[in-house]
Structures are given as C-alpha cells and as structure tokens.
Amino acid sequence: MFEERIEKAAELFKSGFNCSQSVVLAFADMYGFTQEQAARMAASFGGGIGRMRQTCGAACGMFLLAGLETGATDPKDREGKGANYAVVQELAAEFKKRNGSTICAELLGLKKPEERTEQYYAKRPCVRMVEEAARIWAEYLENRRSV
C-alpha cells in the first residue's frame, strides 16, 4: 500500500526537493496539507537541518510526520507529549539501526554541501536515506493501523 509513497519520496528528492521535503511531501495528503504547505513546512530541515549536517533531514521529515500523526495539541497534555516523544525515539532508533547514524555528516562522510551531480548521487546515500525514512514511516503506519 505504501510502496508508491516510498518511490514518490525518492523521485521528489531526485527532482530537487530536499531530503526532508521529499519524505513529508510523499505523505502530506494523508494529513490534509497541500504540496506547497508541506514543502514549506519541511524546507528548513534539509541537509541535516539548514545544511548544518546535524540530524538527517530525511529523519527530520519522518519526525515531522510523527508529530502530525501523534503530536499532542494541548500544552498541558504531558502524557500525549510523552507518547509522541516515544514514537520519535522509536523511529530514530530504527533509522539508526538501518543506517548506522541519524547524523547527516556521519551518513555522508562530509561537512559541506556539494552540488547534486550524477557523481554526487553515485557516492552519497541521500536517496537511500529518503527511501529508508519513508519506508520506516510506512511500516509504522501499517503496524499502528493493524493494531
């Protein structure tokens, strides 16, 4: 059911959207967001959050989706906040297990951005990170909805 969304995330990245946008855009319609709203919402998280090479943007996109799915909306809802944070921690652990890290610089083996050329894609795992984040999110949704 979600395989199309995983493929869409990879295609969005290849078309020029950043890693975070690609993951969020692939699922945005499920949460009532337009493509423009989703692209803006996730825009700052690419390149390891604003190209600072911190937390992987694809993982950030997945965490943003977790907020849309399970985020608390009442500022006094401590239980809801905790439940959402537990989901984010679970997703992060799975991402790290599959990819070795959640840190952009570690995943890429570099500190500064490079132009997206064929050579870039040949040596950088960004498309795979986007696919993996989308896949982990899809698996989470499938497991959650089958319970």
C-alpha atoms as a PDB file:
ATOM      1  CA  MET A   1       0.000   0.000   0.000  1.00  0.00           C
ATOM      2  CA  PHE A   2       2.748   2.461   0.873  1.00  0.00           C
ATOM      3  CA  GLU A   3       5.330   1.349  -1.720  1.00  0.00           C
ATOM      4  CA  GLU A   4       4.145   4.093  -4.091  1.00  0.00           C
ATOM      5  CA  ARG A   5       4.765   6.714  -1.411  1.00  0.00           C
ATOM      6  CA  ILE A   6       8.284   5.407  -0.794  1.00  0.00           C
ATOM      7  CA  GLU A   7       9.022   5.601  -4.525  1.00  0.00           C
ATOM      8  CA  LYS A   8       7.441   9.060  -4.672  1.00  0.00           C
ATOM      9  CA  ALA A   9       9.733  10.271  -1.876  1.00  0.00           C
ATOM     10  CA  ALA A  10      12.805   9.146  -3.841  1.00  0.00           C
ATOM     11  CA  GLU A  11      11.520  10.757  -7.045  1.00  0.00           C
ATOM     12  CA  LEU A  12      10.780  14.011  -5.232  1.00  0.00           C
ATOM     13  CA  PHE A  13      14.346  14.087  -3.945  1.00  0.00           C
ATOM     14  CA  LYS A  14      15.750  13.367  -7.399  1.00  0.00           C
ATOM     15  CA  SER A  15      13.626  16.214  -8.779  1.00  0.00           C
ATOM     16  CA  GLY A  16      15.321  18.716  -6.462  1.00  0.00           C
ATOM     17  CA  PHE A  17      13.347  18.768  -3.219  1.00  0.00           C
ATOM     18  CA  ASN A  18      15.490  18.426  -0.124  1.00  0.00           C
ATOM     19  CA  CYS A  19      15.541  15.194   1.860  1.00  0.00           C
ATOM     20  CA  SER A  20      13.071  16.341   4.492  1.00  0.00           C
ATOM     21  CA  GLN A  21      10.636  17.803   1.969  1.00  0.00           C
ATOM     22  CA  SER A  22      10.757  14.587  -0.040  1.00  0.00           C
ATOM     23  CA  VAL A  23       9.663  12.442   2.894  1.00  0.00           C
ATOM     24  CA  VAL A  24       6.971  14.866   4.081  1.00  0.00           C
ATOM     25  CA  LEU A  25       5.593  15.541   0.594  1.00  0.00           C
ATOM     26  CA  ALA A  26       5.145  11.821  -0.041  1.00  0.00           C
ATOM     27  CA  PHE A  27       2.673  11.615   2.861  1.00  0.00           C
ATOM     28  CA  ALA A  28       1.326  15.201   3.088  1.00  0.00           C
ATOM     29  CA  ASP A  29      -2.075  14.470   1.570  1.00  0.00           C
ATOM     30  CA  MET A  30      -2.797  11.993   4.378  1.00  0.00           C
ATOM     31  CA  TYR A  31      -2.756  14.937   6.799  1.00  0.00           C
ATOM     32  CA  GLY A  32      -4.660  17.452   4.674  1.00  0.00           C
ATOM     33  CA  PHE A  33      -1.643  19.505   3.590  1.00  0.00           C
ATOM     34  CA  THR A  34      -1.143  20.843   0.102  1.00  0.00           C
ATOM     35  CA  GLN A  35       2.160  20.177  -1.609  1.00  0.00           C
ATOM     36  CA  GLU A  36       3.128  23.829  -1.124  1.00  0.00           C
ATOM     37  CA  GLN A  37       2.297  23.801   2.586  1.00  0.00           C
ATOM     38  CA  ALA A  38       4.211  20.565   3.116  1.00  0.00           C
ATOM     39  CA  ALA A  39       7.210  21.803   1.128  1.00  0.00           C
ATOM     40  CA  ARG A  40       7.368  24.982   3.190  1.00  0.00           C
ATOM     41  CA  MET A  41       6.858  23.149   6.481  1.00  0.00           C
ATOM     42  CA  ALA A  42       9.790  20.798   5.806  1.00  0.00           C
ATOM     43  CA  ALA A  43      12.032  23.230   3.898  1.00  0.00           C
ATOM     44  CA  SER A  44      14.362  24.144   6.767  1.00  0.00           C
ATOM     45  CA  PHE A  45      15.319  20.583   7.697  1.00  0.00           C
ATOM     46  CA  GLY A  46      17.269  19.592   4.556  1.00  0.00           C
ATOM     47  CA  GLY A  47      21.000  18.996   4.673  1.00  0.00           C
ATOM     48  CA  GLY A  48      20.923  17.964   8.301  1.00  0.00           C
ATOM     49  CA  ILE A  49      18.800  20.963   9.375  1.00  0.00           C
ATOM     50  CA  GLY A  50      19.653  24.028   7.319  1.00  0.00           C
ATOM     51  CA  ARG A  51      22.745  22.369   5.810  1.00  0.00           C
ATOM     52  CA  MET A  52      24.382  22.255   9.224  1.00  0.00           C
ATOM     53  CA  ARG A  53      24.870  18.480   8.824  1.00  0.00           C
ATOM     54  CA  GLN A  54      23.151  17.706  12.128  1.00  0.00           C
ATOM     55  CA  THR A  55      20.147  15.341  12.269  1.00  0.00           C
ATOM     56  CA  CYS A  56      19.484  13.830   8.831  1.00  0.00           C
ATOM     57  CA  GLY A  57      16.777  15.770   7.004  1.00  0.00           C
ATOM     58  CA  ALA A  58      15.063  12.573   5.870  1.00  0.00           C
ATOM     59  CA  ALA A  59      14.806  11.514   9.514  1.00  0.00           C
ATOM     60  CA  CYS A  60      13.563  15.012  10.435  1.00  0.00           C
ATOM     61  CA  GLY A  61      10.847  14.628   7.809  1.00  0.00           C
ATOM     62  CA  MET A  62       9.842  11.348   9.389  1.00  0.00           C
ATOM     63  CA  PHE A  63       9.753  13.030  12.824  1.00  0.00           C
ATOM     64  CA  LEU A  64       7.629  15.852  11.430  1.00  0.00           C
ATOM     65  CA  LEU A  65       5.160  13.237  10.160  1.00  0.00           C
ATOM     66  CA  ALA A  66       5.184  11.636  13.612  1.00  0.00           C
ATOM     67  CA  GLY A  67       4.073  14.966  15.039  1.00  0.00           C
ATOM     68  CA  LEU A  68       1.239  15.156  12.543  1.00  0.00           C
ATOM     69  CA  GLU A  69       0.181  11.609  13.416  1.00  0.00           C
ATOM     70  CA  THR A  70       0.670  11.535  17.194  1.00  0.00           C
ATOM     71  CA  GLY A  71       1.602  15.033  18.361  1.00  0.00           C
ATOM     72  CA  ALA A  72      -0.098  16.480  21.414  1.00  0.00           C
ATOM     73  CA  THR A  73      -2.068  19.676  20.817  1.00  0.00           C
ATOM     74  CA  ASP A  74      -2.878  20.533  24.432  1.00  0.00           C
ATOM     75  CA  PRO A  75       0.076  22.226  26.144  1.00  0.00           C
ATOM     76  CA  LYS A  76      -0.852  20.518  29.422  1.00  0.00           C
ATOM     77  CA  ASP A  77      -1.050  17.020  27.895  1.00  0.00           C
ATOM     78  CA  ARG A  78       2.114  15.543  29.409  1.00  0.00           C
ATOM     79  CA  GLU A  79       1.041  12.004  28.581  1.00  0.00           C
ATOM     80  CA  GLY A  80       0.412  12.918  24.939  1.00  0.00           C
ATOM     81  CA  LYS A  81       3.774  14.662  24.672  1.00  0.00           C
ATOM     82  CA  GLY A  82       5.497  11.647  26.161  1.00  0.00           C
ATOM     83  CA  ALA A  83       3.711   9.287  23.791  1.00  0.00           C
ATOM     84  CA  ASN A  84       4.789  11.364  20.782  1.00  0.00           C
ATOM     85  CA  TYR A  85       8.378  11.545  22.006  1.00  0.00           C
ATOM     86  CA  ALA A  86       8.358   7.761  22.447  1.00  0.00           C
ATOM     87  CA  VAL A  87       7.285   7.362  18.813  1.00  0.00           C
ATOM     88  CA  VAL A  88      10.054   9.720  17.656  1.00  0.00           C
ATOM     89  CA  GLN A  89      12.608   7.814  19.731  1.00  0.00           C
ATOM     90  CA  GLU A  90      11.389   4.507  18.278  1.00  0.00           C
ATOM     91  CA  LEU A  91      11.637   5.871  14.717  1.00  0.00           C
ATOM     92  CA  ALA A  92      15.094   7.326  15.377  1.00  0.00           C
ATOM     93  CA  ALA A  93      16.338   4.034  16.805  1.00  0.00           C
ATOM     94  CA  GLU A  94      15.071   2.152  13.758  1.00  0.00           C
ATOM     95  CA  PHE A  95      16.631   4.684  11.372  1.00  0.00           C
ATOM     96  CA  LYS A  96      19.953   4.430  13.230  1.00  0.00           C
ATOM     97  CA  LYS A  97      19.779   0.621  13.262  1.00  0.00           C
ATOM     98  CA  ARG A  98      19.258   0.505   9.493  1.00  0.00           C
ATOM     99  CA  ASN A  99      21.689   3.271   8.537  1.00  0.00           C
ATOM    100  CA  GLY A 100      24.292   3.456  11.297  1.00  0.00           C
ATOM    101  CA  SER A 101      23.519   7.019  12.393  1.00  0.00           C
ATOM    102  CA  THR A 102      20.930   9.784  12.401  1.00  0.00           C
ATOM    103  CA  ILE A 103      23.603  12.445  11.869  1.00  0.00           C
ATOM    104  CA  CYS A 104      23.859  13.839   8.338  1.00  0.00           C
ATOM    105  CA  ALA A 105      27.623  14.437   8.412  1.00  0.00           C
ATOM    106  CA  GLU A 106      28.244  10.854   9.544  1.00  0.00           C
ATOM    107  CA  LEU A 107      25.905   9.426   6.911  1.00  0.00           C
ATOM    108  CA  LEU A 108      27.517  11.481   4.152  1.00  0.00           C
ATOM    109  CA  GLY A 109      31.078  11.462   5.375  1.00  0.00           C
ATOM    110  CA  LEU A 110      31.375  15.196   4.735  1.00  0.00           C
ATOM    111  CA  LYS A 111      30.759  18.541   6.353  1.00  0.00           C
ATOM    112  CA  LYS A 112      29.991  20.913   3.471  1.00  0.00           C
ATOM    113  CA  PRO A 113      27.320  20.600   0.793  1.00  0.00           C
ATOM    114  CA  GLU A 114      28.185  19.606  -2.740  1.00  0.00           C
ATOM    115  CA  GLU A 115      26.350  20.230  -5.984  1.00  0.00           C
ATOM    116  CA  ARG A 116      23.876  17.487  -6.850  1.00  0.00           C
ATOM    117  CA  THR A 117      25.507  15.880  -9.866  1.00  0.00           C
ATOM    118  CA  GLU A 118      25.494  12.267 -11.057  1.00  0.00           C
ATOM    119  CA  GLN A 119      28.784  11.815  -9.216  1.00  0.00           C
ATOM    120  CA  TYR A 120      27.196  13.191  -6.040  1.00  0.00           C
ATOM    121  CA  TYR A 121      24.380  10.657  -6.218  1.00  0.00           C
ATOM    122  CA  ALA A 122      26.799   7.858  -7.003  1.00  0.00           C
ATOM    123  CA  LYS A 123      28.743   8.393  -3.771  1.00  0.00           C
ATOM    124  CA  ARG A 124      26.135   9.850  -1.399  1.00  0.00           C
ATOM    125  CA  PRO A 125      23.354   7.846   0.228  1.00  0.00           C
ATOM    126  CA  CYS A 126      20.733  10.630   0.341  1.00  0.00           C
ATOM    127  CA  VAL A 127      18.207   8.915  -1.932  1.00  0.00           C
ATOM    128  CA  ARG A 128      18.562   5.760   0.138  1.00  0.00           C
ATOM    129  CA  MET A 129      18.061   7.770   3.364  1.00  0.00           C
ATOM    130  CA  VAL A 130      14.896   9.316   1.905  1.00  0.00           C
ATOM    131  CA  GLU A 131      13.603   5.894   0.869  1.00  0.00           C
ATOM    132  CA  GLU A 132      14.515   4.400   4.237  1.00  0.00           C
ATOM    133  CA  ALA A 133      12.800   7.180   6.228  1.00  0.00           C
ATOM    134  CA  ALA A 134       9.678   6.858   4.068  1.00  0.00           C
ATOM    135  CA  ARG A 135       9.760   3.064   4.465  1.00  0.00           C
ATOM    136  CA  ILE A 136      10.145   3.240   8.261  1.00  0.00           C
ATOM    137  CA  TRP A 137       7.233   5.683   8.432  1.00  0.00           C
ATOM    138  CA  ALA A 138       5.098   3.475   6.179  1.00  0.00           C
ATOM    139  CA  GLU A 139       5.880   0.453   8.348  1.00  0.00           C
ATOM    140  CA  TYR A 140       4.985   2.428  11.453  1.00  0.00           C
ATOM    141  CA  LEU A 141       1.628   3.406   9.919  1.00  0.00           C
ATOM    142  CA  GLU A 142       0.899  -0.147   8.810  1.00  0.00           C
ATOM    143  CA  ASN A 143       1.694  -1.525  12.267  1.00  0.00           C
ATOM    144  CA  ARG A 144      -0.282   1.187  14.028  1.00  0.00           C
ATOM    145  CA  ARG A 145      -3.345   0.759  11.853  1.00  0.00           C
ATOM    146  CA  SER A 146      -3.350  -3.031  12.050  1.00  0.00           C
ATOM    147  CA  VAL A 147      -3.478  -2.995  15.860  1.00  0.00           C
END
